[in-house]
PDB file of N, CA and C in Angstrom:
ATOM      1  N   UNK A   1     -42.932 -35.289 -48.561  1.00  0.00           N
ATOM      2  CA  UNK A   1     -43.173 -36.413 -47.663  1.00  0.00           C
ATOM      3  C   UNK A   1     -41.958 -37.347 -47.698  1.00  0.00           C
ATOM      4  N   UNK A   2     -41.595 -37.900 -46.565  1.00  0.00           N
ATOM      5  CA  UNK A   2     -40.483 -38.855 -46.540  1.00  0.00           C
ATOM      6  C   UNK A   2     -40.826 -40.079 -47.394  1.00  0.00           C
ATOM      7  N   UNK A   3     -39.818 -40.662 -47.991  1.00  0.00           N
ATOM      8  CA  UNK A   3     -40.035 -41.865 -48.790  1.00  0.00           C
ATOM      9  C   UNK A   3     -38.834 -42.786 -48.635  1.00  0.00           C
ATOM     10  N   UNK A   4     -38.952 -43.965 -49.171  1.00  0.00           N
ATOM     11  CA  UNK A   4     -37.843 -44.918 -49.131  1.00  0.00           C
ATOM     12  C   UNK A   4     -37.645 -45.508 -50.519  1.00  0.00           C
ATOM     13  N   UNK A   5     -36.402 -45.849 -50.807  1.00  0.00           N
ATOM     14  CA  UNK A   5     -36.024 -46.407 -52.091  1.00  0.00           C
ATOM     15  C   UNK A   5     -34.660 -47.066 -51.958  1.00  0.00           C
ATOM     16  N   UNK A   6     -34.241 -47.770 -52.971  1.00  0.00           N
ATOM     17  CA  UNK A   6     -32.883 -48.292 -53.015  1.00  0.00           C
ATOM     18  C   UNK A   6     -31.927 -47.106 -53.101  1.00  0.00           C
ATOM     19  N   UNK A   7     -30.806 -47.187 -52.396  1.00  0.00           N
ATOM     20  CA  UNK A   7     -29.873 -46.055 -52.336  1.00  0.00           C
ATOM     21  C   UNK A   7     -28.449 -46.492 -52.630  1.00  0.00           C
ATOM     22  N   UNK A   8     -27.604 -45.513 -52.825  1.00  0.00           N
ATOM     23  CA  UNK A   8     -26.164 -45.704 -52.801  1.00  0.00           C
ATOM     24  C   UNK A   8     -25.680 -45.148 -51.473  1.00  0.00           C
ATOM     25  N   UNK A   9     -24.662 -45.751 -50.880  1.00  0.00           N
ATOM     26  CA  UNK A   9     -24.228 -45.360 -49.539  1.00  0.00           C
ATOM     27  C   UNK A   9     -23.729 -43.922 -49.439  1.00  0.00           C
ATOM     28  N   UNK A  10     -23.310 -43.326 -50.557  1.00  0.00           N
ATOM     29  CA  UNK A  10     -22.805 -41.951 -50.480  1.00  0.00           C
ATOM     30  C   UNK A  10     -23.896 -40.891 -50.674  1.00  0.00           C
ATOM     31  N   UNK A  11     -25.139 -41.278 -50.809  1.00  0.00           N
ATOM     32  CA  UNK A  11     -26.224 -40.318 -50.980  1.00  0.00           C
ATOM     33  C   UNK A  11     -26.517 -39.617 -49.660  1.00  0.00           C
ATOM     34  N   UNK A  12     -26.289 -38.334 -49.591  1.00  0.00           N
ATOM     35  CA  UNK A  12     -26.612 -37.581 -48.378  1.00  0.00           C
ATOM     36  C   UNK A  12     -28.118 -37.557 -48.114  1.00  0.00           C
ATOM     37  N   UNK A  13     -28.914 -37.645 -49.146  1.00  0.00           N
ATOM     38  CA  UNK A  13     -30.373 -37.621 -48.972  1.00  0.00           C
ATOM     39  C   UNK A  13     -30.880 -38.845 -48.217  1.00  0.00           C
ATOM     40  N   UNK A  14     -30.062 -39.884 -48.116  1.00  0.00           N
ATOM     41  CA  UNK A  14     -30.457 -41.106 -47.408  1.00  0.00           C
ATOM     42  C   UNK A  14     -29.882 -41.169 -45.997  1.00  0.00           C
ATOM     43  N   UNK A  15     -29.185 -40.130 -45.584  1.00  0.00           N
ATOM     44  CA  UNK A  15     -28.557 -40.128 -44.265  1.00  0.00           C
ATOM     45  C   UNK A  15     -29.320 -39.234 -43.294  1.00  0.00           C
ATOM     46  N   UNK A  16     -29.488 -39.767 -42.095  1.00  0.00           N
ATOM     47  CA  UNK A  16     -30.182 -39.048 -41.025  1.00  0.00           C
ATOM     48  C   UNK A  16     -29.319 -39.073 -39.784  1.00  0.00           C
ATOM     49  N   UNK A  17     -29.313 -37.977 -39.067  1.00  0.00           N
ATOM     50  CA  UNK A  17     -28.538 -37.860 -37.838  1.00  0.00           C
ATOM     51  C   UNK A  17     -29.467 -38.030 -36.647  1.00  0.00           C
ATOM     52  N   UNK A  18     -28.979 -38.728 -35.630  1.00  0.00           N
ATOM     53  CA  UNK A  18     -29.718 -38.882 -34.375  1.00  0.00           C
ATOM     54  C   UNK A  18     -29.211 -37.825 -33.404  1.00  0.00           C
ATOM     55  N   UNK A  19     -30.029 -36.834 -33.116  1.00  0.00           N
ATOM     56  CA  UNK A  19     -29.665 -35.772 -32.180  1.00  0.00           C
ATOM     57  C   UNK A  19     -30.207 -36.126 -30.805  1.00  0.00           C
ATOM     58  N   UNK A  20     -29.340 -36.407 -29.824  1.00  0.00           N
ATOM     59  CA  UNK A  20     -29.827 -36.718 -28.481  1.00  0.00           C
ATOM     60  C   UNK A  20     -30.548 -35.515 -27.870  1.00  0.00           C
ATOM     61  N   UNK A  21     -31.635 -35.799 -27.162  1.00  0.00           N
ATOM     62  CA  UNK A  21     -32.434 -34.782 -26.487  1.00  0.00           C
ATOM     63  C   UNK A  21     -32.619 -35.236 -25.048  1.00  0.00           C
ATOM     64  N   UNK A  22     -32.628 -34.290 -24.119  1.00  0.00           N
ATOM     65  CA  UNK A  22     -32.807 -34.614 -22.700  1.00  0.00           C
ATOM     66  C   UNK A  22     -34.019 -35.523 -22.509  1.00  0.00           C
ATOM     67  N   UNK A  23     -33.872 -36.500 -21.645  1.00  0.00           N
ATOM     68  CA  UNK A  23     -34.941 -37.445 -21.372  1.00  0.00           C
ATOM     69  C   UNK A  23     -34.777 -38.763 -22.111  1.00  0.00           C
ATOM     70  N   UNK A  24     -33.667 -38.916 -22.843  1.00  0.00           N
ATOM     71  CA  UNK A  24     -33.415 -40.171 -23.547  1.00  0.00           C
ATOM     72  C   UNK A  24     -34.009 -40.239 -24.945  1.00  0.00           C
ATOM     73  N   UNK A  25     -34.484 -39.118 -25.467  1.00  0.00           N
ATOM     74  CA  UNK A  25     -35.072 -39.075 -26.803  1.00  0.00           C
ATOM     75  C   UNK A  25     -34.022 -38.712 -27.850  1.00  0.00           C
ATOM     76  N   UNK A  26     -34.411 -38.882 -29.115  1.00  0.00           N
ATOM     77  CA  UNK A  26     -33.602 -38.392 -30.228  1.00  0.00           C
ATOM     78  C   UNK A  26     -34.522 -37.661 -31.193  1.00  0.00           C
ATOM     79  N   UNK A  27     -33.926 -36.723 -31.915  1.00  0.00           N
ATOM     80  CA  UNK A  27     -34.575 -36.121 -33.075  1.00  0.00           C
ATOM     81  C   UNK A  27     -33.827 -36.646 -34.294  1.00  0.00           C
ATOM     82  N   UNK A  28     -34.560 -36.937 -35.345  1.00  0.00           N
ATOM     83  CA  UNK A  28     -33.972 -37.446 -36.580  1.00  0.00           C
ATOM     84  C   UNK A  28     -33.982 -36.325 -37.605  1.00  0.00           C
ATOM     85  N   UNK A  29     -32.788 -35.879 -37.990  1.00  0.00           N
ATOM     86  CA  UNK A  29     -32.762 -34.823 -39.013  1.00  0.00           C
ATOM     87  C   UNK A  29     -31.897 -35.225 -40.195  1.00  0.00           C
ATOM     88  N   UNK A  30     -32.258 -34.678 -41.329  1.00  0.00           N
ATOM     89  CA  UNK A  30     -31.609 -34.996 -42.595  1.00  0.00           C
ATOM     90  C   UNK A  30     -30.215 -34.399 -42.668  1.00  0.00           C
ATOM     91  N   UNK A  31     -29.254 -35.184 -43.131  1.00  0.00           N
ATOM     92  CA  UNK A  31     -27.907 -34.674 -43.380  1.00  0.00           C
ATOM     93  C   UNK A  31     -27.930 -33.794 -44.625  1.00  0.00           C
ATOM     94  N   UNK A  32     -28.734 -34.177 -45.598  1.00  0.00           N
ATOM     95  CA  UNK A  32     -28.825 -33.460 -46.866  1.00  0.00           C
ATOM     96  C   UNK A  32     -29.510 -32.104 -46.695  1.00  0.00           C
ATOM     97  N   UNK A  33     -30.583 -32.073 -45.910  1.00  0.00           N
ATOM     98  CA  UNK A  33     -31.334 -30.841 -45.637  1.00  0.00           C
ATOM     99  C   UNK A  33     -31.485 -30.716 -44.121  1.00  0.00           C
ATOM    100  N   UNK A  34     -30.489 -30.159 -43.439  1.00  0.00           N
ATOM    101  CA  UNK A  34     -30.448 -30.165 -41.971  1.00  0.00           C
ATOM    102  C   UNK A  34     -31.638 -29.514 -41.259  1.00  0.00           C
ATOM    103  N   UNK A  35     -32.423 -28.714 -41.946  1.00  0.00           N
ATOM    104  CA  UNK A  35     -33.599 -28.117 -41.318  1.00  0.00           C
ATOM    105  C   UNK A  35     -34.803 -29.062 -41.337  1.00  0.00           C
ATOM    106  N   UNK A  36     -34.644 -30.220 -41.954  1.00  0.00           N
ATOM    107  CA  UNK A  36     -35.722 -31.194 -42.086  1.00  0.00           C
ATOM    108  C   UNK A  36     -35.627 -32.254 -40.989  1.00  0.00           C
ATOM    109  N   UNK A  37     -36.686 -32.371 -40.191  1.00  0.00           N
ATOM    110  CA  UNK A  37     -36.782 -33.360 -39.115  1.00  0.00           C
ATOM    111  C   UNK A  37     -37.985 -34.261 -39.365  1.00  0.00           C
ATOM    112  N   UNK A  38     -37.888 -35.525 -38.963  1.00  0.00           N
ATOM    113  CA  UNK A  38     -39.045 -36.413 -39.018  1.00  0.00           C
ATOM    114  C   UNK A  38     -39.948 -36.113 -37.830  1.00  0.00           C
ATOM    115  N   UNK A  39     -41.242 -35.947 -38.098  1.00  0.00           N
ATOM    116  CA  UNK A  39     -42.210 -35.651 -37.037  1.00  0.00           C
ATOM    117  C   UNK A  39     -43.597 -36.143 -37.444  1.00  0.00           C
ATOM    118  N   UNK A  40     -44.513 -36.161 -36.473  1.00  0.00           N
ATOM    119  CA  UNK A  40     -45.904 -36.551 -36.718  1.00  0.00           C
ATOM    120  C   UNK A  40     -46.853 -35.479 -36.187  1.00  0.00           C
ATOM    121  N   UNK A  41     -46.473 -34.234 -36.290  1.00  0.00           N
ATOM    122  CA  UNK A  41     -47.258 -33.120 -35.736  1.00  0.00           C
ATOM    123  C   UNK A  41     -48.691 -33.100 -36.255  1.00  0.00           C
ATOM    124  N   UNK A  42     -48.899 -33.529 -37.481  1.00  0.00           N
ATOM    125  CA  UNK A  42     -50.244 -33.516 -38.074  1.00  0.00           C
ATOM    126  C   UNK A  42     -50.890 -34.901 -38.095  1.00  0.00           C
ATOM    127  N   UNK A  43     -50.328 -35.844 -37.305  1.00  0.00           N
ATOM    128  CA  UNK A  43     -50.918 -37.172 -37.189  1.00  0.00           C
ATOM    129  C   UNK A  43     -50.331 -38.218 -38.118  1.00  0.00           C
ATOM    130  N   UNK A  44     -49.451 -37.813 -39.026  1.00  0.00           N
ATOM    131  CA  UNK A  44     -48.816 -38.742 -39.950  1.00  0.00           C
ATOM    132  C   UNK A  44     -47.357 -38.307 -40.127  1.00  0.00           C
ATOM    133  N   UNK A  45     -46.533 -39.182 -40.677  1.00  0.00           N
ATOM    134  CA  UNK A  45     -45.108 -38.905 -40.804  1.00  0.00           C
ATOM    135  C   UNK A  45     -44.852 -37.813 -41.831  1.00  0.00           C
ATOM    136  N   UNK A  46     -44.070 -36.824 -41.415  1.00  0.00           N
ATOM    137  CA  UNK A  46     -43.663 -35.735 -42.296  1.00  0.00           C
ATOM    138  C   UNK A  46     -42.200 -35.426 -42.051  1.00  0.00           C
ATOM    139  N   UNK A  47     -41.596 -34.718 -42.995  1.00  0.00           N
ATOM    140  CA  UNK A  47     -40.254 -34.198 -42.843  1.00  0.00           C
ATOM    141  C   UNK A  47     -40.341 -32.700 -43.074  1.00  0.00           C
ATOM    142  N   UNK A  48     -39.865 -31.943 -42.090  1.00  0.00           N
ATOM    143  CA  UNK A  48     -39.936 -30.497 -42.245  1.00  0.00           C
ATOM    144  C   UNK A  48     -39.324 -29.786 -41.061  1.00  0.00           C
ATOM    145  N   UNK A  49     -39.432 -28.467 -41.099  1.00  0.00           N
ATOM    146  CA  UNK A  49     -38.969 -27.648 -39.986  1.00  0.00           C
ATOM    147  C   UNK A  49     -39.873 -27.908 -38.781  1.00  0.00           C
ATOM    148  N   UNK A  50     -39.300 -27.804 -37.590  1.00  0.00           N
ATOM    149  CA  UNK A  50     -40.052 -28.060 -36.354  1.00  0.00           C
ATOM    150  C   UNK A  50     -39.839 -26.914 -35.385  1.00  0.00           C
ATOM    151  N   UNK A  51     -40.669 -26.871 -34.367  1.00  0.00           N
ATOM    152  CA  UNK A  51     -40.461 -25.981 -33.230  1.00  0.00           C
ATOM    153  C   UNK A  51     -39.791 -26.790 -32.130  1.00  0.00           C
ATOM    154  N   UNK A  52     -38.917 -26.166 -31.329  1.00  0.00           N
ATOM    155  CA  UNK A  52     -38.175 -26.917 -30.303  1.00  0.00           C
ATOM    156  C   UNK A  52     -39.060 -27.667 -29.309  1.00  0.00           C
ATOM    157  N   UNK A  53     -40.253 -27.164 -29.050  1.00  0.00           N
ATOM    158  CA  UNK A  53     -41.114 -27.799 -28.047  1.00  0.00           C
ATOM    159  C   UNK A  53     -41.959 -28.952 -28.594  1.00  0.00           C
ATOM    160  N   UNK A  54     -41.892 -29.247 -29.863  1.00  0.00           N
ATOM    161  CA  UNK A  54     -42.700 -30.316 -30.449  1.00  0.00           C
ATOM    162  C   UNK A  54     -42.229 -31.686 -29.959  1.00  0.00           C
ATOM    163  N   UNK A  55     -43.049 -32.356 -29.174  1.00  0.00           N
ATOM    164  CA  UNK A  55     -42.733 -33.738 -28.815  1.00  0.00           C
ATOM    165  C   UNK A  55     -43.042 -34.676 -29.977  1.00  0.00           C
ATOM    166  N   UNK A  56     -43.760 -34.182 -30.986  1.00  0.00           N
ATOM    167  CA  UNK A  56     -44.047 -34.986 -32.177  1.00  0.00           C
ATOM    168  C   UNK A  56     -42.784 -35.254 -32.998  1.00  0.00           C
ATOM    169  N   UNK A  57     -41.704 -34.534 -32.696  1.00  0.00           N
ATOM    170  CA  UNK A  57     -40.425 -34.736 -33.394  1.00  0.00           C
ATOM    171  C   UNK A  57     -39.424 -35.492 -32.520  1.00  0.00           C
ATOM    172  N   UNK A  58     -39.883 -35.999 -31.389  1.00  0.00           N
ATOM    173  CA  UNK A  58     -39.013 -36.781 -30.501  1.00  0.00           C
ATOM    174  C   UNK A  58     -39.308 -38.267 -30.694  1.00  0.00           C
ATOM    175  N   UNK A  59     -38.236 -39.049 -30.693  1.00  0.00           N
ATOM    176  CA  UNK A  59     -38.353 -40.492 -30.904  1.00  0.00           C
ATOM    177  C   UNK A  59     -37.592 -41.238 -29.819  1.00  0.00           C
ATOM    178  N   UNK A  60     -38.147 -42.363 -29.408  1.00  0.00           N
ATOM    179  CA  UNK A  60     -37.510 -43.252 -28.446  1.00  0.00           C
ATOM    180  C   UNK A  60     -36.893 -44.398 -29.235  1.00  0.00           C
ATOM    181  N   UNK A  61     -35.620 -44.667 -28.988  1.00  0.00           N
ATOM    182  CA  UNK A  61     -34.964 -45.804 -29.636  1.00  0.00           C
ATOM    183  C   UNK A  61     -35.118 -47.029 -28.740  1.00  0.00           C
ATOM    184  N   UNK A  62     -35.774 -48.048 -29.240  1.00  0.00           N
ATOM    185  CA  UNK A  62     -35.975 -49.291 -28.502  1.00  0.00           C
ATOM    186  C   UNK A  62     -35.176 -50.407 -29.165  1.00  0.00           C
ATOM    187  N   UNK A  63     -34.291 -51.031 -28.424  1.00  0.00           N
ATOM    188  CA  UNK A  63     -33.514 -52.146 -28.961  1.00  0.00           C
ATOM    189  C   UNK A  63     -34.423 -53.346 -29.132  1.00  0.00           C
ATOM    190  N   UNK A  64     -34.315 -54.017 -30.266  1.00  0.00           N
ATOM    191  CA  UNK A  64     -35.125 -55.215 -30.483  1.00  0.00           C
ATOM    192  C   UNK A  64     -34.456 -56.401 -29.805  1.00  0.00           C
ATOM    193  N   UNK A  65     -35.164 -57.513 -29.738  1.00  0.00           N
ATOM    194  CA  UNK A  65     -34.686 -58.681 -29.017  1.00  0.00           C
ATOM    195  C   UNK A  65     -33.352 -59.211 -29.484  1.00  0.00           C
ATOM    196  N   UNK A  66     -33.002 -59.022 -30.753  1.00  0.00           N
ATOM    197  CA  UNK A  66     -31.734 -59.564 -31.245  1.00  0.00           C
ATOM    198  C   UNK A  66     -30.560 -58.653 -30.940  1.00  0.00           C
ATOM    199  N   UNK A  67     -30.803 -57.428 -30.493  1.00  0.00           N
ATOM    200  CA  UNK A  67     -29.738 -56.512 -30.101  1.00  0.00           C
ATOM    201  C   UNK A  67     -29.026 -55.800 -31.231  1.00  0.00           C
ATOM    202  N   UNK A  68     -29.317 -56.163 -32.485  1.00  0.00           N
ATOM    203  CA  UNK A  68     -28.649 -55.537 -33.625  1.00  0.00           C
ATOM    204  C   UNK A  68     -29.454 -54.397 -34.237  1.00  0.00           C
ATOM    205  N   UNK A  69     -30.732 -54.364 -33.966  1.00  0.00           N
ATOM    206  CA  UNK A  69     -31.613 -53.391 -34.582  1.00  0.00           C
ATOM    207  C   UNK A  69     -32.307 -52.552 -33.511  1.00  0.00           C
ATOM    208  N   UNK A  70     -32.832 -51.403 -33.939  1.00  0.00           N
ATOM    209  CA  UNK A  70     -33.630 -50.566 -33.051  1.00  0.00           C
ATOM    210  C   UNK A  70     -34.964 -50.270 -33.728  1.00  0.00           C
ATOM    211  N   UNK A  71     -35.907 -49.884 -32.918  1.00  0.00           N
ATOM    212  CA  UNK A  71     -37.179 -49.361 -33.401  1.00  0.00           C
ATOM    213  C   UNK A  71     -37.295 -47.931 -32.910  1.00  0.00           C
ATOM    214  N   UNK A  72     -37.939 -47.097 -33.710  1.00  0.00           N
ATOM    215  CA  UNK A  72     -38.156 -45.704 -33.343  1.00  0.00           C
ATOM    216  C   UNK A  72     -39.632 -45.498 -33.048  1.00  0.00           C
ATOM    217  N   UNK A  73     -39.936 -45.247 -31.761  1.00  0.00           N
ATOM    218  CA  UNK A  73     -41.300 -44.996 -31.303  1.00  0.00           C
ATOM    219  C   UNK A  73     -41.452 -43.508 -31.047  1.00  0.00           C
ATOM    220  N   UNK A  74     -42.535 -42.924 -31.510  1.00  0.00           N
ATOM    221  CA  UNK A  74     -42.751 -41.503 -31.313  1.00  0.00           C
ATOM    222  C   UNK A  74     -43.068 -41.202 -29.853  1.00  0.00           C
ATOM    223  N   UNK A  75     -42.533 -40.114 -29.337  1.00  0.00           N
ATOM    224  CA  UNK A  75     -42.737 -39.747 -27.936  1.00  0.00           C
ATOM    225  C   UNK A  75     -44.103 -39.127 -27.690  1.00  0.00           C
ATOM    226  N   UNK A  76     -44.676 -38.474 -28.676  1.00  0.00           N
ATOM    227  CA  UNK A  76     -45.968 -37.808 -28.527  1.00  0.00           C
ATOM    228  C   UNK A  76     -47.114 -38.776 -28.781  1.00  0.00           C
ATOM    229  N   UNK A  77     -47.032 -39.508 -29.890  1.00  0.00           N
ATOM    230  CA  UNK A  77     -48.011 -40.537 -30.237  1.00  0.00           C
ATOM    231  C   UNK A  77     -47.326 -41.881 -30.048  1.00  0.00           C
ATOM    232  N   UNK A  78     -47.368 -42.394 -28.824  1.00  0.00           N
ATOM    233  CA  UNK A  78     -46.553 -43.544 -28.450  1.00  0.00           C
ATOM    234  C   UNK A  78     -46.963 -44.850 -29.109  1.00  0.00           C
ATOM    235  N   UNK A  79     -48.047 -44.846 -29.861  1.00  0.00           N
ATOM    236  CA  UNK A  79     -48.438 -46.036 -30.619  1.00  0.00           C
ATOM    237  C   UNK A  79     -47.833 -46.049 -32.023  1.00  0.00           C
ATOM    238  N   UNK A  80     -47.119 -44.976 -32.397  1.00  0.00           N
ATOM    239  CA  UNK A  80     -46.579 -44.862 -33.750  1.00  0.00           C
ATOM    240  C   UNK A  80     -45.093 -45.200 -33.792  1.00  0.00           C
ATOM    241  N   UNK A  81     -44.740 -46.083 -34.722  1.00  0.00           N
ATOM    242  CA  UNK A  81     -43.353 -46.498 -34.947  1.00  0.00           C
ATOM    243  C   UNK A  81     -43.003 -46.253 -36.414  1.00  0.00           C
ATOM    244  N   UNK A  82     -41.752 -45.886 -36.677  1.00  0.00           N
ATOM    245  CA  UNK A  82     -41.283 -45.806 -38.057  1.00  0.00           C
ATOM    246  C   UNK A  82     -41.234 -47.212 -38.627  1.00  0.00           C
ATOM    247  N   UNK A  83     -41.773 -47.389 -39.835  1.00  0.00           N
ATOM    248  CA  UNK A  83     -41.754 -48.696 -40.476  1.00  0.00           C
ATOM    249  C   UNK A  83     -41.986 -48.554 -41.975  1.00  0.00           C
ATOM    250  N   UNK A  84     -41.747 -49.640 -42.683  1.00  0.00           N
ATOM    251  CA  UNK A  84     -41.988 -49.697 -44.127  1.00  0.00           C
ATOM    252  C   UNK A  84     -42.894 -50.885 -44.474  1.00  0.00           C
ATOM    253  N   UNK A  85     -43.788 -51.244 -43.577  1.00  0.00           N
ATOM    254  CA  UNK A  85     -44.649 -52.415 -43.764  1.00  0.00           C
ATOM    255  C   UNK A  85     -45.461 -52.333 -45.057  1.00  0.00           C
ATOM    256  N   UNK A  86     -45.934 -51.158 -45.414  1.00  0.00           N
ATOM    257  CA  UNK A  86     -46.751 -50.995 -46.624  1.00  0.00           C
ATOM    258  C   UNK A  86     -45.898 -50.796 -47.875  1.00  0.00           C
ATOM    259  N   UNK A  87     -44.579 -50.740 -47.711  1.00  0.00           N
ATOM    260  CA  UNK A  87     -43.693 -50.443 -48.824  1.00  0.00           C
ATOM    261  C   UNK A  87     -43.244 -48.990 -48.825  1.00  0.00           C
ATOM    262  N   UNK A  88     -43.929 -48.147 -48.061  1.00  0.00           N
ATOM    263  CA  UNK A  88     -43.579 -46.739 -47.936  1.00  0.00           C
ATOM    264  C   UNK A  88     -43.170 -46.439 -46.503  1.00  0.00           C
ATOM    265  N   UNK A  89     -42.268 -45.475 -46.339  1.00  0.00           N
ATOM    266  CA  UNK A  89     -41.898 -45.053 -44.995  1.00  0.00           C
ATOM    267  C   UNK A  89     -43.099 -44.389 -44.347  1.00  0.00           C
ATOM    268  N   UNK A  90     -43.442 -44.833 -43.133  1.00  0.00           N
ATOM    269  CA  UNK A  90     -44.605 -44.314 -42.430  1.00  0.00           C
ATOM    270  C   UNK A  90     -44.389 -44.432 -40.932  1.00  0.00           C
ATOM    271  N   UNK A  91     -45.252 -43.791 -40.180  1.00  0.00           N
ATOM    272  CA  UNK A  91     -45.290 -43.934 -38.728  1.00  0.00           C
ATOM    273  C   UNK A  91     -46.688 -44.435 -38.387  1.00  0.00           C
ATOM    274  N   UNK A  92     -46.774 -45.707 -37.983  1.00  0.00           N
ATOM    275  CA  UNK A  92     -48.067 -46.329 -37.684  1.00  0.00           C
ATOM    276  C   UNK A  92     -47.911 -47.241 -36.475  1.00  0.00           C
ATOM    277  N   UNK A  93     -49.048 -47.733 -36.005  1.00  0.00           N
ATOM    278  CA  UNK A  93     -49.010 -48.809 -35.018  1.00  0.00           C
ATOM    279  C   UNK A  93     -48.428 -50.035 -35.719  1.00  0.00           C
ATOM    280  N   UNK A  94     -47.739 -50.874 -34.958  1.00  0.00           N
ATOM    281  CA  UNK A  94     -47.101 -52.055 -35.543  1.00  0.00           C
ATOM    282  C   UNK A  94     -47.468 -53.298 -34.744  1.00  0.00           C
ATOM    283  N   UNK A  95     -47.245 -54.443 -35.352  1.00  0.00           N
ATOM    284  CA  UNK A  95     -47.348 -55.725 -34.649  1.00  0.00           C
ATOM    285  C   UNK A  95     -45.959 -56.062 -34.115  1.00  0.00           C
ATOM    286  N   UNK A  96     -45.865 -56.803 -33.001  1.00  0.00           N
ATOM    287  CA  UNK A  96     -44.561 -57.103 -32.402  1.00  0.00           C
ATOM    288  C   UNK A  96     -43.583 -57.828 -33.340  1.00  0.00           C
ATOM    289  N   UNK A  97     -44.097 -58.570 -34.314  1.00  0.00           N
ATOM    290  CA  UNK A  97     -43.213 -59.354 -35.187  1.00  0.00           C
ATOM    291  C   UNK A  97     -42.852 -58.643 -36.497  1.00  0.00           C
ATOM    292  N   UNK A  98     -43.196 -57.391 -36.647  1.00  0.00           N
ATOM    293  CA  UNK A  98     -42.887 -56.665 -37.887  1.00  0.00           C
ATOM    294  C   UNK A  98     -41.405 -56.338 -37.959  1.00  0.00           C
ATOM    295  N   UNK A  99     -40.686 -57.004 -38.839  1.00  0.00           N
ATOM    296  CA  UNK A  99     -39.286 -56.639 -39.044  1.00  0.00           C
ATOM    297  C   UNK A  99     -39.179 -55.367 -39.890  1.00  0.00           C
ATOM    298  N   UNK A 100     -40.286 -54.948 -40.481  1.00  0.00           N
ATOM    299  CA  UNK A 100     -40.310 -53.705 -41.259  1.00  0.00           C
ATOM    300  C   UNK A 100     -40.149 -52.473 -40.365  1.00  0.00           C
ATOM    301  N   UNK A 101     -40.207 -52.680 -39.063  1.00  0.00           N
ATOM    302  CA  UNK A 101     -40.021 -51.574 -38.105  1.00  0.00           C
ATOM    303  C   UNK A 101     -38.637 -51.623 -37.445  1.00  0.00           C
ATOM    304  N   UNK A 102     -37.814 -52.582 -37.874  1.00  0.00           N
ATOM    305  CA  UNK A 102     -36.454 -52.710 -37.329  1.00  0.00           C
ATOM    306  C   UNK A 102     -35.471 -51.932 -38.195  1.00  0.00           C
ATOM    307  N   UNK A 103     -34.603 -51.166 -37.548  1.00  0.00           N
ATOM    308  CA  UNK A 103     -33.634 -50.325 -38.254  1.00  0.00           C
ATOM    309  C   UNK A 103     -32.238 -50.661 -37.782  1.00  0.00           C
ATOM    310  N   UNK A 104     -31.329 -50.719 -38.732  1.00  0.00           N
ATOM    311  CA  UNK A 104     -29.911 -50.972 -38.451  1.00  0.00           C
ATOM    312  C   UNK A 104     -29.193 -49.646 -38.564  1.00  0.00           C
ATOM    313  N   UNK A 105     -28.438 -49.274 -37.553  1.00  0.00           N
ATOM    314  CA  UNK A 105     -27.760 -47.993 -37.524  1.00  0.00           C
ATOM    315  C   UNK A 105     -26.340 -48.144 -38.035  1.00  0.00           C
ATOM    316  N   UNK A 106     -25.987 -47.371 -39.045  1.00  0.00           N
ATOM    317  CA  UNK A 106     -24.611 -47.331 -39.552  1.00  0.00           C
ATOM    318  C   UNK A 106     -23.852 -46.237 -38.815  1.00  0.00           C
ATOM    319  N   UNK A 107     -22.643 -46.536 -38.426  1.00  0.00           N
ATOM    320  CA  UNK A 107     -21.825 -45.539 -37.721  1.00  0.00           C
ATOM    321  C   UNK A 107     -20.701 -45.088 -38.597  1.00  0.00           C
TER     322      UNK A 107
END
């Protein structure tokens, strides 16, 4: 299961690539384990191998009001956003003011 913790910037296990997909979506896959994608195929956040047709592995990047952060909304379950509100990485419904669902992208 995906998790979150304090990291060092050179840890490949903490790096994820945004793969553009037709329609304005992205797939999030691990740099450390490239066959691992974030998805919600079983109704909750998982990291694993996917099938190309799974919309549960597609994410919409939404810019937040401040323009510095993005939110990742699932394309299949559109009420689910990546967040750490509970202290753990999860995909759940969020409140509009949750900064725990805001992500800063390093280039």
